[in-house]
Amino acid sequence: MGSRTIHETANSVWFEVAGMTLDAAVGFVFIALSVASLYLLVAIGLSIVFGSLKYVNMAHGVLYLGGAYIGLLIASSEEYGGLLSEYGAIGLDLGFVAALILTPIIIFVLGVAMERFLAKPFYDRDLLDQLLVTFGVLIAAQELFAIVFGRTGTIYPRPDWLSGAISLPVIGTPPGLSAASTIRVLVVTLTLLLIAVIFAFFKYTDYGLAVRAGTEDSEMAEMLGIRVGRPFLLIFAIGAAYAGVAGVLGGSLFNVTNSIGMEIIIPSLVIVIMGGVGSLRGTVVGSLLAGFVFALATVVEPSMTQASIYLLAIVVLTIRPSGIYPSAKIGQ
């Protein structure tokens, strides 16, 4: 994600936080929570795939990258560099909501294709093979996006209702929320809903139970008549769709460039390991810690923004070598 300029000026918020004003404190919290939300939406897919299939998918960053650009093409009509520079403004210009709805559907389909043709042939290979192949796919994809779209950063155009501080009917801006931007409140709220959905999926659906059974002992599950192939495919695609949503939401907060896949995937993998591989609770907690550390570093020492998450991981894994929630069953 890098230390790209956030639309709201975090530094001004921080100095007010030092004075303990309520509005500034709430604003800073939402900056941290929105960053944590992006990490969480990407890391959750990594966690469930790594935890259930023992598959390291660095190409998951391609889904975030693709989600950002596909959403941009749906939401607006923009001029790009690269091969598209000679075609003028390109895009459907359907608006942000359309991008938020259509992009995860498209990325879900791409996730199905990725699982069938990229991931599945490598399920029984060494983790190093998986890492090298998927990392190579990510690098190649980023260069392809640079060739097509150019290397200049682009920011999602925001509709009027997502601009400025949150405002409710009749009462306007609630006390303490004048520094909480509408887009950040939306990012946090939508992430909470999506995380609740994935927890419910694992706990209450047959497919979720099949994934958990297959994770424990896939051969025994097959002998009992539980077909784990389709549930694994579904959970892979759901993780992909979540990365697509993160791409759209991330594009509304940060610049969209060809390098954002790499910028999001490595910290997300660190968060998965820090939280405990396969533990959804650990991924949630790890993302929250990373979000607050990222936001704090942005306003205290911007040059340490990227390094801050890795320093956090060093501290956490030194104290808890197996992660925050080690040896957790998948889906918990």
C-alpha atoms as a PDB file:
ATOM      1  CA  MET A   1       0.000   0.000   0.000  1.00  0.00           C
ATOM      2  CA  GLY A   2       3.001   2.259   0.590  1.00  0.00           C
ATOM      3  CA  SER A   3       2.929   5.702   2.128  1.00  0.00           C
ATOM      4  CA  ARG A   4       0.819   7.334  -0.576  1.00  0.00           C
ATOM      5  CA  THR A   5      -1.007  10.512   0.283  1.00  0.00           C
ATOM      6  CA  ILE A   6      -4.282   9.832   2.070  1.00  0.00           C
ATOM      7  CA  HIS A   7      -7.144  12.039   0.938  1.00  0.00           C
ATOM      8  CA  GLU A   8      -7.647  13.404   4.427  1.00  0.00           C
ATOM      9  CA  THR A   9      -4.534  14.945   5.945  1.00  0.00           C
ATOM     10  CA  ALA A  10      -3.582  12.547   8.692  1.00  0.00           C
ATOM     11  CA  ASN A  11      -0.888  14.836  10.044  1.00  0.00           C
ATOM     12  CA  SER A  12      -3.324  17.580  10.968  1.00  0.00           C
ATOM     13  CA  VAL A  13      -5.524  15.021  12.641  1.00  0.00           C
ATOM     14  CA  TRP A  14      -2.565  13.715  14.630  1.00  0.00           C
ATOM     15  CA  PHE A  15      -1.575  17.057  16.055  1.00  0.00           C
ATOM     16  CA  GLU A  16      -5.127  17.566  17.232  1.00  0.00           C
ATOM     17  CA  VAL A  17      -5.140  14.075  18.723  1.00  0.00           C
ATOM     18  CA  ALA A  18      -2.149  15.118  20.781  1.00  0.00           C
ATOM     19  CA  GLY A  19      -4.473  17.718  22.270  1.00  0.00           C
ATOM     20  CA  MET A  20      -7.084  14.979  22.844  1.00  0.00           C
ATOM     21  CA  THR A  21      -9.965  16.616  20.956  1.00  0.00           C
ATOM     22  CA  LEU A  22     -12.765  14.113  20.410  1.00  0.00           C
ATOM     23  CA  ASP A  23     -13.276  14.837  16.700  1.00  0.00           C
ATOM     24  CA  ALA A  24      -9.578  14.456  15.935  1.00  0.00           C
ATOM     25  CA  ALA A  25      -9.270  11.244  17.958  1.00  0.00           C
ATOM     26  CA  VAL A  26     -12.255   9.711  16.148  1.00  0.00           C
ATOM     27  CA  GLY A  27     -10.845  10.831  12.799  1.00  0.00           C
ATOM     28  CA  PHE A  28      -7.498   9.186  13.525  1.00  0.00           C
ATOM     29  CA  VAL A  29      -9.226   5.972  14.615  1.00  0.00           C
ATOM     30  CA  PHE A  30     -11.173   5.802  11.346  1.00  0.00           C
ATOM     31  CA  ILE A  31      -7.988   6.379   9.349  1.00  0.00           C
ATOM     32  CA  ALA A  32      -6.418   3.407  11.168  1.00  0.00           C
ATOM     33  CA  LEU A  33      -9.550   1.257  10.856  1.00  0.00           C
ATOM     34  CA  SER A  34      -9.924   1.947   7.136  1.00  0.00           C
ATOM     35  CA  VAL A  35      -6.320   0.910   6.475  1.00  0.00           C
ATOM     36  CA  ALA A  36      -6.842  -2.167   8.658  1.00  0.00           C
ATOM     37  CA  SER A  37      -9.982  -2.974   6.658  1.00  0.00           C
ATOM     38  CA  LEU A  38      -8.071  -3.074   3.375  1.00  0.00           C
ATOM     39  CA  TYR A  39      -5.432  -5.339   4.846  1.00  0.00           C
ATOM     40  CA  LEU A  40      -8.115  -7.561   6.343  1.00  0.00           C
ATOM     41  CA  LEU A  41     -10.105  -7.990   3.120  1.00  0.00           C
ATOM     42  CA  VAL A  42      -6.960  -9.121   1.310  1.00  0.00           C
ATOM     43  CA  ALA A  43      -5.450 -11.125   4.169  1.00  0.00           C
ATOM     44  CA  ILE A  44      -8.672 -13.045   4.841  1.00  0.00           C
ATOM     45  CA  GLY A  45      -8.425 -14.711   1.422  1.00  0.00           C
ATOM     46  CA  LEU A  46      -4.769 -15.537   1.966  1.00  0.00           C
ATOM     47  CA  SER A  47      -5.530 -16.944   5.410  1.00  0.00           C
ATOM     48  CA  ILE A  48      -8.350 -19.288   4.454  1.00  0.00           C
ATOM     49  CA  VAL A  49      -6.543 -20.578   1.351  1.00  0.00           C
ATOM     50  CA  PHE A  50      -3.238 -21.009   3.183  1.00  0.00           C
ATOM     51  CA  GLY A  51      -4.955 -22.548   6.187  1.00  0.00           C
ATOM     52  CA  SER A  52      -7.241 -24.928   4.291  1.00  0.00           C
ATOM     53  CA  LEU A  53      -5.245 -25.813   1.167  1.00  0.00           C
ATOM     54  CA  LYS A  54      -1.695 -25.169   2.419  1.00  0.00           C
ATOM     55  CA  TYR A  55      -1.258 -23.037  -0.690  1.00  0.00           C
ATOM     56  CA  VAL A  56       0.772 -19.816  -0.662  1.00  0.00           C
ATOM     57  CA  ASN A  57      -0.896 -17.562  -3.209  1.00  0.00           C
ATOM     58  CA  MET A  58       1.142 -14.426  -3.819  1.00  0.00           C
ATOM     59  CA  ALA A  59      -0.894 -14.000  -7.016  1.00  0.00           C
ATOM     60  CA  HIS A  60      -3.731 -12.952  -4.693  1.00  0.00           C
ATOM     61  CA  GLY A  61      -2.244  -9.482  -5.133  1.00  0.00           C
ATOM     62  CA  VAL A  62      -3.227  -9.654  -8.815  1.00  0.00           C
ATOM     63  CA  LEU A  63      -6.873  -9.902  -7.727  1.00  0.00           C
ATOM     64  CA  TYR A  64      -6.541  -6.724  -5.647  1.00  0.00           C
ATOM     65  CA  LEU A  65      -4.769  -4.988  -8.520  1.00  0.00           C
ATOM     66  CA  GLY A  66      -7.346  -6.210 -11.032  1.00  0.00           C
ATOM     67  CA  GLY A  67     -10.191  -5.191  -8.733  1.00  0.00           C
ATOM     68  CA  ALA A  68      -8.845  -1.651  -8.503  1.00  0.00           C
ATOM     69  CA  TYR A  69      -8.524  -1.200 -12.270  1.00  0.00           C
ATOM     70  CA  ILE A  70     -11.729  -3.025 -13.188  1.00  0.00           C
ATOM     71  CA  GLY A  71     -13.617  -0.939 -10.643  1.00  0.00           C
ATOM     72  CA  LEU A  72     -12.038   2.201 -12.063  1.00  0.00           C
ATOM     73  CA  LEU A  73     -13.156   1.276 -15.583  1.00  0.00           C
ATOM     74  CA  ILE A  74     -16.685   0.634 -14.329  1.00  0.00           C
ATOM     75  CA  ALA A  75     -16.941   3.687 -12.081  1.00  0.00           C
ATOM     76  CA  SER A  76     -15.545   6.389 -14.338  1.00  0.00           C
ATOM     77  CA  SER A  77     -14.210   7.377 -17.730  1.00  0.00           C
ATOM     78  CA  GLU A  78     -10.535   8.304 -17.506  1.00  0.00           C
ATOM     79  CA  GLU A  79      -7.537   8.898 -19.732  1.00  0.00           C
ATOM     80  CA  TYR A  80      -4.718   6.420 -19.158  1.00  0.00           C
ATOM     81  CA  GLY A  81      -1.129   6.072 -20.244  1.00  0.00           C
ATOM     82  CA  GLY A  82       0.447   3.039 -21.850  1.00  0.00           C
ATOM     83  CA  LEU A  83      -1.288   1.359 -24.765  1.00  0.00           C
ATOM     84  CA  LEU A  84      -4.575   3.049 -23.860  1.00  0.00           C
ATOM     85  CA  SER A  85      -3.157   6.577 -24.156  1.00  0.00           C
ATOM     86  CA  GLU A  86      -4.169   6.928 -27.808  1.00  0.00           C
ATOM     87  CA  TYR A  87      -7.829   6.102 -27.157  1.00  0.00           C
ATOM     88  CA  GLY A  88      -8.726   9.093 -24.970  1.00  0.00           C
ATOM     89  CA  ALA A  89     -11.112   8.672 -22.057  1.00  0.00           C
ATOM     90  CA  ILE A  90     -12.053   5.026 -21.450  1.00  0.00           C
ATOM     91  CA  GLY A  91     -14.594   3.583 -19.024  1.00  0.00           C
ATOM     92  CA  LEU A  92     -18.278   2.848 -18.474  1.00  0.00           C
ATOM     93  CA  ASP A  93     -18.791   5.788 -16.092  1.00  0.00           C
ATOM     94  CA  LEU A  94     -21.460   3.902 -14.117  1.00  0.00           C
ATOM     95  CA  GLY A  95     -20.443   5.289 -10.738  1.00  0.00           C
ATOM     96  CA  PHE A  96     -18.844   4.049  -7.547  1.00  0.00           C
ATOM     97  CA  VAL A  97     -21.776   1.897  -6.381  1.00  0.00           C
ATOM     98  CA  ALA A  98     -21.854  -0.009  -9.666  1.00  0.00           C
ATOM     99  CA  ALA A  99     -18.128  -0.654  -9.355  1.00  0.00           C
ATOM    100  CA  LEU A 100     -18.568  -1.886  -5.808  1.00  0.00           C
ATOM    101  CA  ILE A 101     -21.257  -4.357  -6.938  1.00  0.00           C
ATOM    102  CA  LEU A 102     -19.896  -5.554 -10.278  1.00  0.00           C
ATOM    103  CA  THR A 103     -16.178  -5.768  -9.515  1.00  0.00           C
ATOM    104  CA  PRO A 104     -16.341  -8.577  -6.903  1.00  0.00           C
ATOM    105  CA  ILE A 105     -18.528 -10.597  -9.277  1.00  0.00           C
ATOM    106  CA  ILE A 106     -15.939 -10.297 -12.043  1.00  0.00           C
ATOM    107  CA  ILE A 107     -13.064 -11.039  -9.668  1.00  0.00           C
ATOM    108  CA  PHE A 108     -14.999 -14.035  -8.272  1.00  0.00           C
ATOM    109  CA  VAL A 109     -15.023 -15.523 -11.787  1.00  0.00           C
ATOM    110  CA  LEU A 110     -11.322 -14.744 -12.193  1.00  0.00           C
ATOM    111  CA  GLY A 111     -10.739 -16.434  -8.827  1.00  0.00           C
ATOM    112  CA  VAL A 112     -12.434 -19.601 -10.101  1.00  0.00           C
ATOM    113  CA  ALA A 113     -10.169 -19.588 -13.157  1.00  0.00           C
ATOM    114  CA  MET A 114      -7.089 -18.940 -10.989  1.00  0.00           C
ATOM    115  CA  GLU A 115      -7.931 -21.858  -8.713  1.00  0.00           C
ATOM    116  CA  ARG A 116      -8.516 -24.264 -11.605  1.00  0.00           C
ATOM    117  CA  PHE A 117      -5.542 -23.372 -13.795  1.00  0.00           C
ATOM    118  CA  LEU A 118      -2.916 -21.865 -11.472  1.00  0.00           C
ATOM    119  CA  ALA A 119      -3.486 -23.074  -7.919  1.00  0.00           C
ATOM    120  CA  LYS A 120      -4.808 -26.620  -8.294  1.00  0.00           C
ATOM    121  CA  PRO A 121      -1.825 -28.001 -10.244  1.00  0.00           C
ATOM    122  CA  PHE A 122       0.439 -26.834  -7.412  1.00  0.00           C
ATOM    123  CA  TYR A 123      -1.516 -28.041  -4.377  1.00  0.00           C
ATOM    124  CA  ASP A 124       0.788 -31.005  -3.894  1.00  0.00           C
ATOM    125  CA  ARG A 125       3.986 -29.105  -4.650  1.00  0.00           C
ATOM    126  CA  ASP A 126       6.399 -27.610  -2.123  1.00  0.00           C
ATOM    127  CA  LEU A 127       5.569 -24.231  -0.629  1.00  0.00           C
ATOM    128  CA  LEU A 128       8.691 -22.814  -2.286  1.00  0.00           C
ATOM    129  CA  ASP A 129       7.398 -23.843  -5.722  1.00  0.00           C
ATOM    130  CA  GLN A 130       4.041 -22.233  -4.967  1.00  0.00           C
ATOM    131  CA  LEU A 131       5.718 -19.074  -3.738  1.00  0.00           C
ATOM    132  CA  LEU A 132       8.001 -18.713  -6.767  1.00  0.00           C
ATOM    133  CA  VAL A 133       5.279 -19.370  -9.343  1.00  0.00           C
ATOM    134  CA  THR A 134       2.627 -17.114  -7.811  1.00  0.00           C
ATOM    135  CA  PHE A 135       5.155 -14.372  -7.076  1.00  0.00           C
ATOM    136  CA  GLY A 136       6.246 -14.541 -10.693  1.00  0.00           C
ATOM    137  CA  VAL A 137       2.625 -14.253 -11.829  1.00  0.00           C
ATOM    138  CA  LEU A 138       2.204 -11.156  -9.671  1.00  0.00           C
ATOM    139  CA  ILE A 139       5.307  -9.469 -11.081  1.00  0.00           C
ATOM    140  CA  ALA A 140       4.307 -10.306 -14.657  1.00  0.00           C
ATOM    141  CA  ALA A 141       0.763  -9.042 -14.077  1.00  0.00           C
ATOM    142  CA  GLN A 142       1.995  -5.740 -12.662  1.00  0.00           C
ATOM    143  CA  GLU A 143       4.190  -5.177 -15.694  1.00  0.00           C
ATOM    144  CA  LEU A 144       1.296  -6.056 -17.995  1.00  0.00           C
ATOM    145  CA  PHE A 145      -0.930  -3.508 -16.247  1.00  0.00           C
ATOM    146  CA  ALA A 146       1.861  -0.934 -16.597  1.00  0.00           C
ATOM    147  CA  ILE A 147       2.068  -1.603 -20.335  1.00  0.00           C
ATOM    148  CA  VAL A 148      -1.694  -1.308 -20.792  1.00  0.00           C
ATOM    149  CA  PHE A 149      -2.566   1.485 -18.317  1.00  0.00           C
ATOM    150  CA  GLY A 150       0.768   3.241 -17.842  1.00  0.00           C
ATOM    151  CA  ARG A 151       2.572   3.902 -14.585  1.00  0.00           C
ATOM    152  CA  THR A 152       0.874   7.162 -13.598  1.00  0.00           C
ATOM    153  CA  GLY A 153      -1.289   6.944 -10.494  1.00  0.00           C
ATOM    154  CA  THR A 154      -5.053   7.430 -10.749  1.00  0.00           C
ATOM    155  CA  ILE A 155      -7.564   8.214  -7.983  1.00  0.00           C
ATOM    156  CA  TYR A 156     -11.194   7.125  -8.010  1.00  0.00           C
ATOM    157  CA  PRO A 157     -13.609  10.026  -8.495  1.00  0.00           C
ATOM    158  CA  ARG A 158     -15.867  10.196  -5.438  1.00  0.00           C
ATOM    159  CA  PRO A 159     -19.588  10.880  -5.665  1.00  0.00           C
ATOM    160  CA  ASP A 160     -20.812  13.866  -3.657  1.00  0.00           C
ATOM    161  CA  TRP A 161     -22.376  11.671  -0.990  1.00  0.00           C
ATOM    162  CA  LEU A 162     -18.962  10.145  -0.225  1.00  0.00           C
ATOM    163  CA  SER A 163     -17.149  13.473   0.024  1.00  0.00           C
ATOM    164  CA  GLY A 164     -16.440  15.232   3.294  1.00  0.00           C
ATOM    165  CA  ALA A 165     -17.472  14.312   6.824  1.00  0.00           C
ATOM    166  CA  ILE A 166     -20.288  11.883   7.485  1.00  0.00           C
ATOM    167  CA  SER A 167     -23.697  13.555   7.607  1.00  0.00           C
ATOM    168  CA  LEU A 168     -26.956  11.916   8.689  1.00  0.00           C
ATOM    169  CA  PRO A 169     -30.490  13.011   7.781  1.00  0.00           C
ATOM    170  CA  VAL A 170     -32.046  15.575  10.150  1.00  0.00           C
ATOM    171  CA  ILE A 171     -29.166  15.629  12.676  1.00  0.00           C
ATOM    172  CA  GLY A 172     -26.340  16.284  10.185  1.00  0.00           C
ATOM    173  CA  THR A 173     -22.841  15.451  11.425  1.00  0.00           C
ATOM    174  CA  PRO A 174     -22.998  13.603  14.786  1.00  0.00           C
ATOM    175  CA  PRO A 175     -20.896  14.986  17.641  1.00  0.00           C
ATOM    176  CA  GLY A 176     -17.330  13.722  17.496  1.00  0.00           C
ATOM    177  CA  LEU A 177     -17.507  12.667  13.839  1.00  0.00           C
ATOM    178  CA  SER A 178     -16.600  15.874  12.024  1.00  0.00           C
ATOM    179  CA  ALA A 179     -13.150  14.450  11.203  1.00  0.00           C
ATOM    180  CA  ALA A 180     -14.507  11.009  10.172  1.00  0.00           C
ATOM    181  CA  SER A 181     -14.866  11.043   6.394  1.00  0.00           C
ATOM    182  CA  THR A 182     -17.845   9.300   4.820  1.00  0.00           C
ATOM    183  CA  ILE A 183     -15.673   7.093   2.615  1.00  0.00           C
ATOM    184  CA  ARG A 184     -13.721   5.775   5.588  1.00  0.00           C
ATOM    185  CA  VAL A 185     -16.890   5.059   7.543  1.00  0.00           C
ATOM    186  CA  LEU A 186     -18.181   3.172   4.495  1.00  0.00           C
ATOM    187  CA  VAL A 187     -14.960   1.153   4.181  1.00  0.00           C
ATOM    188  CA  VAL A 188     -15.049   0.123   7.845  1.00  0.00           C
ATOM    189  CA  THR A 189     -18.784  -0.646   7.858  1.00  0.00           C
ATOM    190  CA  LEU A 190     -18.664  -2.731   4.683  1.00  0.00           C
ATOM    191  CA  THR A 191     -15.655  -4.664   5.957  1.00  0.00           C
ATOM    192  CA  LEU A 192     -17.466  -5.497   9.205  1.00  0.00           C
ATOM    193  CA  LEU A 193     -20.405  -6.870   7.211  1.00  0.00           C
ATOM    194  CA  LEU A 194     -18.186  -8.955   4.937  1.00  0.00           C
ATOM    195  CA  ILE A 195     -16.217 -10.417   7.842  1.00  0.00           C
ATOM    196  CA  ALA A 196     -19.462 -11.343   9.596  1.00  0.00           C
ATOM    197  CA  VAL A 197     -20.534 -13.112   6.395  1.00  0.00           C
ATOM    198  CA  ILE A 198     -17.348 -15.187   6.169  1.00  0.00           C
ATOM    199  CA  PHE A 199     -17.556 -16.197   9.842  1.00  0.00           C
ATOM    200  CA  ALA A 200     -21.190 -17.231   9.318  1.00  0.00           C
ATOM    201  CA  PHE A 201     -20.223 -19.139   6.174  1.00  0.00           C
ATOM    202  CA  PHE A 202     -17.776 -21.331   8.072  1.00  0.00           C
ATOM    203  CA  LYS A 203     -20.022 -21.842  11.065  1.00  0.00           C
ATOM    204  CA  TYR A 204     -23.497 -22.310   9.597  1.00  0.00           C
ATOM    205  CA  THR A 205     -23.242 -23.546   5.991  1.00  0.00           C
ATOM    206  CA  ASP A 206     -22.630 -27.052   4.677  1.00  0.00           C
ATOM    207  CA  TYR A 207     -19.897 -25.761   2.397  1.00  0.00           C
ATOM    208  CA  GLY A 208     -18.131 -24.109   5.314  1.00  0.00           C
ATOM    209  CA  LEU A 209     -18.329 -27.293   7.373  1.00  0.00           C
ATOM    210  CA  ALA A 210     -17.019 -29.264   4.380  1.00  0.00           C
ATOM    211  CA  VAL A 211     -14.003 -26.954   4.146  1.00  0.00           C
ATOM    212  CA  ARG A 212     -13.284 -27.407   7.833  1.00  0.00           C
ATOM    213  CA  ALA A 213     -13.662 -31.188   7.553  1.00  0.00           C
ATOM    214  CA  GLY A 214     -11.447 -31.309   4.476  1.00  0.00           C
ATOM    215  CA  THR A 215      -8.821 -29.233   6.221  1.00  0.00           C
ATOM    216  CA  GLU A 216      -8.654 -31.657   9.137  1.00  0.00           C
ATOM    217  CA  ASP A 217      -8.485 -34.814   6.966  1.00  0.00           C
ATOM    218  CA  SER A 218      -9.419 -34.555   3.302  1.00  0.00           C
ATOM    219  CA  GLU A 219      -9.095 -38.299   2.626  1.00  0.00           C
ATOM    220  CA  MET A 220     -11.402 -39.210   5.510  1.00  0.00           C
ATOM    221  CA  ALA A 221     -13.855 -36.532   4.433  1.00  0.00           C
ATOM    222  CA  GLU A 222     -13.942 -38.001   0.909  1.00  0.00           C
ATOM    223  CA  MET A 223     -14.503 -41.498   2.322  1.00  0.00           C
ATOM    224  CA  LEU A 224     -17.476 -40.164   4.276  1.00  0.00           C
ATOM    225  CA  GLY A 225     -18.972 -38.791   1.087  1.00  0.00           C
ATOM    226  CA  ILE A 226     -17.994 -35.170   1.630  1.00  0.00           C
ATOM    227  CA  ARG A 227     -16.842 -33.679  -1.660  1.00  0.00           C
ATOM    228  CA  VAL A 228     -14.230 -31.137  -0.634  1.00  0.00           C
ATOM    229  CA  GLY A 229     -13.180 -30.041  -4.123  1.00  0.00           C
ATOM    230  CA  ARG A 230     -16.135 -27.740  -4.754  1.00  0.00           C
ATOM    231  CA  PRO A 231     -16.082 -26.131  -1.281  1.00  0.00           C
ATOM    232  CA  PHE A 232     -12.355 -25.452  -1.669  1.00  0.00           C
ATOM    233  CA  LEU A 233     -13.007 -23.893  -5.080  1.00  0.00           C
ATOM    234  CA  LEU A 234     -15.794 -21.760  -3.617  1.00  0.00           C
ATOM    235  CA  ILE A 235     -13.757 -20.511  -0.683  1.00  0.00           C
ATOM    236  CA  PHE A 236     -10.874 -19.650  -3.036  1.00  0.00           C
ATOM    237  CA  ALA A 237     -13.252 -17.633  -5.217  1.00  0.00           C
ATOM    238  CA  ILE A 238     -14.841 -15.902  -2.219  1.00  0.00           C
ATOM    239  CA  GLY A 239     -11.395 -14.836  -1.046  1.00  0.00           C
ATOM    240  CA  ALA A 240     -10.782 -13.499  -4.549  1.00  0.00           C
ATOM    241  CA  ALA A 241     -14.023 -11.502  -4.481  1.00  0.00           C
ATOM    242  CA  TYR A 242     -13.030  -9.988  -1.143  1.00  0.00           C
ATOM    243  CA  ALA A 243      -9.724  -8.892  -2.695  1.00  0.00           C
ATOM    244  CA  GLY A 244     -11.731  -7.321  -5.527  1.00  0.00           C
ATOM    245  CA  VAL A 245     -13.825  -5.346  -3.045  1.00  0.00           C
ATOM    246  CA  ALA A 246     -10.617  -4.249  -1.321  1.00  0.00           C
ATOM    247  CA  GLY A 247      -9.273  -3.055  -4.681  1.00  0.00           C
ATOM    248  CA  VAL A 248     -12.277  -0.770  -5.210  1.00  0.00           C
ATOM    249  CA  LEU A 249     -12.221   0.530  -1.646  1.00  0.00           C
ATOM    250  CA  GLY A 250      -8.440   0.967  -1.728  1.00  0.00           C
ATOM    251  CA  GLY A 251      -8.732   2.899  -4.960  1.00  0.00           C
ATOM    252  CA  SER A 252     -11.025   5.368  -3.214  1.00  0.00           C
ATOM    253  CA  LEU A 253      -8.404   6.015  -0.519  1.00  0.00           C
ATOM    254  CA  PHE A 254      -5.065   5.711  -2.304  1.00  0.00           C
ATOM    255  CA  ASN A 255      -3.628   6.126  -5.779  1.00  0.00           C
ATOM    256  CA  VAL A 256      -4.221   3.249  -8.177  1.00  0.00           C
ATOM    257  CA  THR A 257      -0.965   2.222  -9.871  1.00  0.00           C
ATOM    258  CA  ASN A 258       0.420  -0.968 -11.359  1.00  0.00           C
ATOM    259  CA  SER A 259       2.468  -1.633  -8.194  1.00  0.00           C
ATOM    260  CA  ILE A 260      -0.347  -1.798  -5.628  1.00  0.00           C
ATOM    261  CA  GLY A 261      -0.595  -5.592  -5.865  1.00  0.00           C
ATOM    262  CA  MET A 262       2.886  -6.003  -4.442  1.00  0.00           C
ATOM    263  CA  GLU A 263       2.349  -3.222  -1.921  1.00  0.00           C
ATOM    264  CA  ILE A 264      -0.690  -4.956  -0.414  1.00  0.00           C
ATOM    265  CA  ILE A 265       0.164  -8.662  -0.675  1.00  0.00           C
ATOM    266  CA  ILE A 266       3.435  -8.796   1.276  1.00  0.00           C
ATOM    267  CA  PRO A 267       2.094  -6.954   4.365  1.00  0.00           C
ATOM    268  CA  SER A 268      -1.067  -9.072   4.125  1.00  0.00           C
ATOM    269  CA  LEU A 269       0.981 -12.283   4.186  1.00  0.00           C
ATOM    270  CA  VAL A 270       2.899 -10.951   7.185  1.00  0.00           C
ATOM    271  CA  ILE A 271      -0.451 -10.261   8.891  1.00  0.00           C
ATOM    272  CA  VAL A 272      -1.622 -13.828   8.210  1.00  0.00           C
ATOM    273  CA  ILE A 273       1.534 -15.272   9.760  1.00  0.00           C
ATOM    274  CA  MET A 274       1.419 -12.806  12.645  1.00  0.00           C
ATOM    275  CA  GLY A 275      -2.208 -13.663  13.394  1.00  0.00           C
ATOM    276  CA  GLY A 276      -1.756 -17.418  13.119  1.00  0.00           C
ATOM    277  CA  VAL A 277      -2.096 -19.268   9.809  1.00  0.00           C
ATOM    278  CA  GLY A 278      -5.708 -20.270   9.146  1.00  0.00           C
ATOM    279  CA  SER A 279      -7.083 -18.312  12.088  1.00  0.00           C
ATOM    280  CA  LEU A 280      -9.701 -15.774  11.052  1.00  0.00           C
ATOM    281  CA  ARG A 281      -9.655 -14.232  14.516  1.00  0.00           C
ATOM    282  CA  GLY A 282      -5.888 -13.898  14.316  1.00  0.00           C
ATOM    283  CA  THR A 283      -6.135 -12.282  10.894  1.00  0.00           C
ATOM    284  CA  VAL A 284      -8.677  -9.765  12.224  1.00  0.00           C
ATOM    285  CA  VAL A 285      -6.524  -8.873  15.231  1.00  0.00           C
ATOM    286  CA  GLY A 286      -3.353  -8.748  13.148  1.00  0.00           C
ATOM    287  CA  SER A 287      -5.008  -6.432  10.624  1.00  0.00           C
ATOM    288  CA  LEU A 288      -6.189  -4.093  13.370  1.00  0.00           C
ATOM    289  CA  LEU A 289      -2.714  -3.904  14.872  1.00  0.00           C
ATOM    290  CA  ALA A 290      -1.178  -3.296  11.442  1.00  0.00           C
ATOM    291  CA  GLY A 291      -3.720  -0.592  10.608  1.00  0.00           C
ATOM    292  CA  PHE A 292      -3.048   1.390  13.755  1.00  0.00           C
ATOM    293  CA  VAL A 293       0.720   1.016  13.464  1.00  0.00           C
ATOM    294  CA  PHE A 294       0.551   2.086   9.794  1.00  0.00           C
ATOM    295  CA  ALA A 295      -1.554   5.162  10.617  1.00  0.00           C
ATOM    296  CA  LEU A 296       0.668   6.073  13.558  1.00  0.00           C
ATOM    297  CA  ALA A 297       3.828   5.778  11.474  1.00  0.00           C
ATOM    298  CA  THR A 298       2.263   7.888   8.711  1.00  0.00           C
ATOM    299  CA  VAL A 299       1.821  10.841  11.023  1.00  0.00           C
ATOM    300  CA  VAL A 300       4.822  10.384  13.303  1.00  0.00           C
ATOM    301  CA  GLU A 301       7.553   9.263  10.901  1.00  0.00           C
ATOM    302  CA  PRO A 302       6.309   8.780   7.294  1.00  0.00           C
ATOM    303  CA  SER A 303       9.617   7.260   6.198  1.00  0.00           C
ATOM    304  CA  MET A 304       8.894   4.309   8.516  1.00  0.00           C
ATOM    305  CA  THR A 305       5.393   3.636   7.225  1.00  0.00           C
ATOM    306  CA  GLN A 306       6.221   0.537   5.205  1.00  0.00           C
ATOM    307  CA  ALA A 307       8.714  -0.799   7.723  1.00  0.00           C
ATOM    308  CA  SER A 308       6.338  -0.316  10.665  1.00  0.00           C
ATOM    309  CA  ILE A 309       4.267  -3.412   9.915  1.00  0.00           C
ATOM    310  CA  TYR A 310       7.344  -5.620   9.690  1.00  0.00           C
ATOM    311  CA  LEU A 311       8.672  -4.217  12.958  1.00  0.00           C
ATOM    312  CA  LEU A 312       5.293  -4.999  14.505  1.00  0.00           C
ATOM    313  CA  ALA A 313       5.514  -8.574  13.187  1.00  0.00           C
ATOM    314  CA  ILE A 314       8.981  -8.982  14.696  1.00  0.00           C
ATOM    315  CA  VAL A 315       7.674  -7.941  18.101  1.00  0.00           C
ATOM    316  CA  VAL A 316       4.539 -10.126  17.918  1.00  0.00           C
ATOM    317  CA  LEU A 317       6.326 -13.240  16.637  1.00  0.00           C
ATOM    318  CA  THR A 318       9.089 -12.815  19.201  1.00  0.00           C
ATOM    319  CA  ILE A 319       6.473 -12.908  21.963  1.00  0.00           C
ATOM    320  CA  ARG A 320       4.196 -15.474  20.253  1.00  0.00           C
ATOM    321  CA  PRO A 321       6.231 -17.464  17.697  1.00  0.00           C
ATOM    322  CA  SER A 322       3.173 -19.358  16.425  1.00  0.00           C
ATOM    323  CA  GLY A 323       1.096 -16.214  15.982  1.00  0.00           C
ATOM    324  CA  ILE A 324      -1.568 -14.449  17.992  1.00  0.00           C
ATOM    325  CA  TYR A 325      -4.048 -17.361  17.700  1.00  0.00           C
ATOM    326  CA  PRO A 326      -1.890 -20.419  16.919  1.00  0.00           C
ATOM    327  CA  SER A 327      -3.154 -23.882  15.958  1.00  0.00           C
ATOM    328  CA  ALA A 328      -6.660 -22.600  15.311  1.00  0.00           C
ATOM    329  CA  LYS A 329      -9.056 -24.620  13.172  1.00  0.00           C
ATOM    330  CA  ILE A 330      -9.826 -22.994   9.854  1.00  0.00           C
ATOM    331  CA  GLY A 331     -12.791 -20.673  10.047  1.00  0.00           C
ATOM    332  CA  GLN A 332     -12.279 -19.752  13.687  1.00  0.00           C
END
